Amino acid sequence: QEEDGQWLKCWLSRPGVRRPPSVAMGKVHGSLARAGKVKNQTPKVAKAEKKKPLTGRARKRMVFNRRFQTTVKGPKKGPNSNSK
């Protein structure tokens, strides 16, 4: 390992050789004093209670009814639309 260190020092001391970023010691991306600033500023909101999602046969039935049984006049809505 000492040979590697000697070789690296010799190679970096040559004129015109720039130090690669992995060898350069020092700064990282921004100051660590500001780490987590945005997360700490956002207000904590409690999770709302939700109905448990359907599984198995009941889910298949709901998906079938949503896709094929309910026909609505007018333009077709996408699967992610929240409007009724």
C-alpha atoms as a PDB file:
ATOM      1  CA  GLN A   1       0.000   0.000   0.000  1.00  0.00           C
ATOM      2  CA  GLU A   2       2.922   2.322   0.589  1.00  0.00           C
ATOM      3  CA  GLU A   3       3.963   1.755  -3.003  1.00  0.00           C
ATOM      4  CA  ASP A   4       0.522   2.873  -4.161  1.00  0.00           C
ATOM      5  CA  GLY A   5       0.786   6.036  -2.062  1.00  0.00           C
ATOM      6  CA  GLN A   6       4.245   6.823  -3.413  1.00  0.00           C
ATOM      7  CA  TRP A   7       3.110   6.257  -6.981  1.00  0.00           C
ATOM      8  CA  LEU A   8       0.081   8.501  -6.481  1.00  0.00           C
ATOM      9  CA  LYS A   9       2.145  11.312  -4.969  1.00  0.00           C
ATOM     10  CA  CYS A  10       4.632  11.068  -7.833  1.00  0.00           C
ATOM     11  CA  TRP A  11       1.897  11.016 -10.449  1.00  0.00           C
ATOM     12  CA  LEU A  12       0.027  13.984  -8.926  1.00  0.00           C
ATOM     13  CA  SER A  13       3.220  16.047  -8.627  1.00  0.00           C
ATOM     14  CA  ARG A  14       3.836  15.910 -12.392  1.00  0.00           C
ATOM     15  CA  PRO A  15       3.082  19.175 -14.226  1.00  0.00           C
ATOM     16  CA  GLY A  16      -0.205  19.252 -16.098  1.00  0.00           C
ATOM     17  CA  VAL A  17      -1.782  16.438 -14.085  1.00  0.00           C
ATOM     18  CA  ARG A  18      -5.023  17.484 -12.436  1.00  0.00           C
ATOM     19  CA  ARG A  19      -6.161  15.818  -9.247  1.00  0.00           C
ATOM     20  CA  PRO A  20      -9.219  13.617  -9.896  1.00  0.00           C
ATOM     21  CA  PRO A  21     -12.291  14.318  -7.738  1.00  0.00           C
ATOM     22  CA  SER A  22     -12.070  10.977  -5.933  1.00  0.00           C
ATOM     23  CA  VAL A  23      -8.561  11.825  -4.678  1.00  0.00           C
ATOM     24  CA  ALA A  24      -9.363  15.418  -3.709  1.00  0.00           C
ATOM     25  CA  MET A  25     -10.218  15.779  -0.056  1.00  0.00           C
ATOM     26  CA  GLY A  26     -12.487  18.478   1.231  1.00  0.00           C
ATOM     27  CA  LYS A  27     -15.900  19.801   0.415  1.00  0.00           C
ATOM     28  CA  VAL A  28     -19.035  17.762  -0.007  1.00  0.00           C
ATOM     29  CA  HIS A  29     -22.315  18.959  -1.481  1.00  0.00           C
ATOM     30  CA  GLY A  30     -23.171  22.015   0.580  1.00  0.00           C
ATOM     31  CA  SER A  31     -22.957  22.728   4.256  1.00  0.00           C
ATOM     32  CA  LEU A  32     -24.051  20.013   6.649  1.00  0.00           C
ATOM     33  CA  ALA A  33     -25.347  22.716   8.996  1.00  0.00           C
ATOM     34  CA  ARG A  34     -28.395  23.109   6.737  1.00  0.00           C
ATOM     35  CA  ALA A  35     -29.107  19.398   6.385  1.00  0.00           C
ATOM     36  CA  GLY A  36     -32.793  18.567   6.908  1.00  0.00           C
ATOM     37  CA  LYS A  37     -33.883  22.218   6.792  1.00  0.00           C
ATOM     38  CA  VAL A  38     -36.964  21.686   4.619  1.00  0.00           C
ATOM     39  CA  LYS A  39     -38.133  18.549   6.432  1.00  0.00           C
ATOM     40  CA  ASN A  40     -37.922  20.307   9.784  1.00  0.00           C
ATOM     41  CA  GLN A  41     -39.859  23.316   8.480  1.00  0.00           C
ATOM     42  CA  THR A  42     -42.830  21.377   7.121  1.00  0.00           C
ATOM     43  CA  PRO A  43     -45.728  21.069   9.556  1.00  0.00           C
ATOM     44  CA  LYS A  44     -46.509  17.604  10.896  1.00  0.00           C
ATOM     45  CA  VAL A  45     -49.904  16.386   9.711  1.00  0.00           C
ATOM     46  CA  ALA A  46     -51.462  13.333  11.317  1.00  0.00           C
ATOM     47  CA  LYS A  47     -52.468  10.533   8.965  1.00  0.00           C
ATOM     48  CA  ALA A  48     -56.194  10.309   8.258  1.00  0.00           C
ATOM     49  CA  GLU A  49     -58.037   7.099   8.996  1.00  0.00           C
ATOM     50  CA  LYS A  50     -58.864   5.190   5.834  1.00  0.00           C
ATOM     51  CA  LYS A  51     -61.111   2.294   5.012  1.00  0.00           C
ATOM     52  CA  LYS A  52     -59.122  -0.901   4.523  1.00  0.00           C
ATOM     53  CA  PRO A  53     -58.623  -1.763   0.850  1.00  0.00           C
ATOM     54  CA  LEU A  54     -60.543  -4.663  -0.636  1.00  0.00           C
ATOM     55  CA  THR A  55     -58.643  -7.861  -1.390  1.00  0.00           C
ATOM     56  CA  GLY A  56     -59.244 -11.057  -3.290  1.00  0.00           C
ATOM     57  CA  ARG A  57     -62.665 -11.689  -4.817  1.00  0.00           C
ATOM     58  CA  ALA A  58     -64.108  -8.424  -3.515  1.00  0.00           C
ATOM     59  CA  ARG A  59     -61.380  -6.394  -5.232  1.00  0.00           C
ATOM     60  CA  LYS A  60     -61.877  -8.229  -8.532  1.00  0.00           C
ATOM     61  CA  ARG A  61     -65.616  -7.541  -8.281  1.00  0.00           C
ATOM     62  CA  MET A  62     -65.032  -3.830  -7.636  1.00  0.00           C
ATOM     63  CA  VAL A  63     -62.613  -3.548 -10.577  1.00  0.00           C
ATOM     64  CA  PHE A  64     -65.035  -5.371 -12.903  1.00  0.00           C
ATOM     65  CA  ASN A  65     -67.907  -3.121 -11.880  1.00  0.00           C
ATOM     66  CA  ARG A  66     -65.793  -0.021 -12.316  1.00  0.00           C
ATOM     67  CA  ARG A  67     -64.619  -1.028 -15.793  1.00  0.00           C
ATOM     68  CA  PHE A  68     -67.670  -2.644 -17.350  1.00  0.00           C
ATOM     69  CA  GLN A  69     -70.884  -2.066 -15.391  1.00  0.00           C
ATOM     70  CA  THR A  70     -70.979   1.693 -14.918  1.00  0.00           C
ATOM     71  CA  THR A  71     -71.485   3.370 -18.275  1.00  0.00           C
ATOM     72  CA  VAL A  72     -71.585   7.157 -18.204  1.00  0.00           C
ATOM     73  CA  LYS A  73     -72.548   9.407 -21.099  1.00  0.00           C
ATOM     74  CA  GLY A  74     -69.936  11.921 -22.136  1.00  0.00           C
ATOM     75  CA  PRO A  75     -66.185  11.875 -22.484  1.00  0.00           C
ATOM     76  CA  LYS A  76     -64.309   8.938 -21.014  1.00  0.00           C
ATOM     77  CA  LYS A  77     -62.469   9.631 -17.766  1.00  0.00           C
ATOM     78  CA  GLY A  78     -59.094   8.138 -16.956  1.00  0.00           C
ATOM     79  CA  PRO A  79     -58.546   5.563 -14.206  1.00  0.00           C
ATOM     80  CA  ASN A  80     -56.958   8.166 -11.918  1.00  0.00           C
ATOM     81  CA  SER A  81     -59.704  10.811 -12.088  1.00  0.00           C
ATOM     82  CA  ASN A  82     -61.224  11.718  -8.741  1.00  0.00           C
ATOM     83  CA  SER A  83     -64.370  13.347 -10.134  1.00  0.00           C
ATOM     84  CA  LYS A  84     -67.580  11.315  -9.876  1.00  0.00           C
END
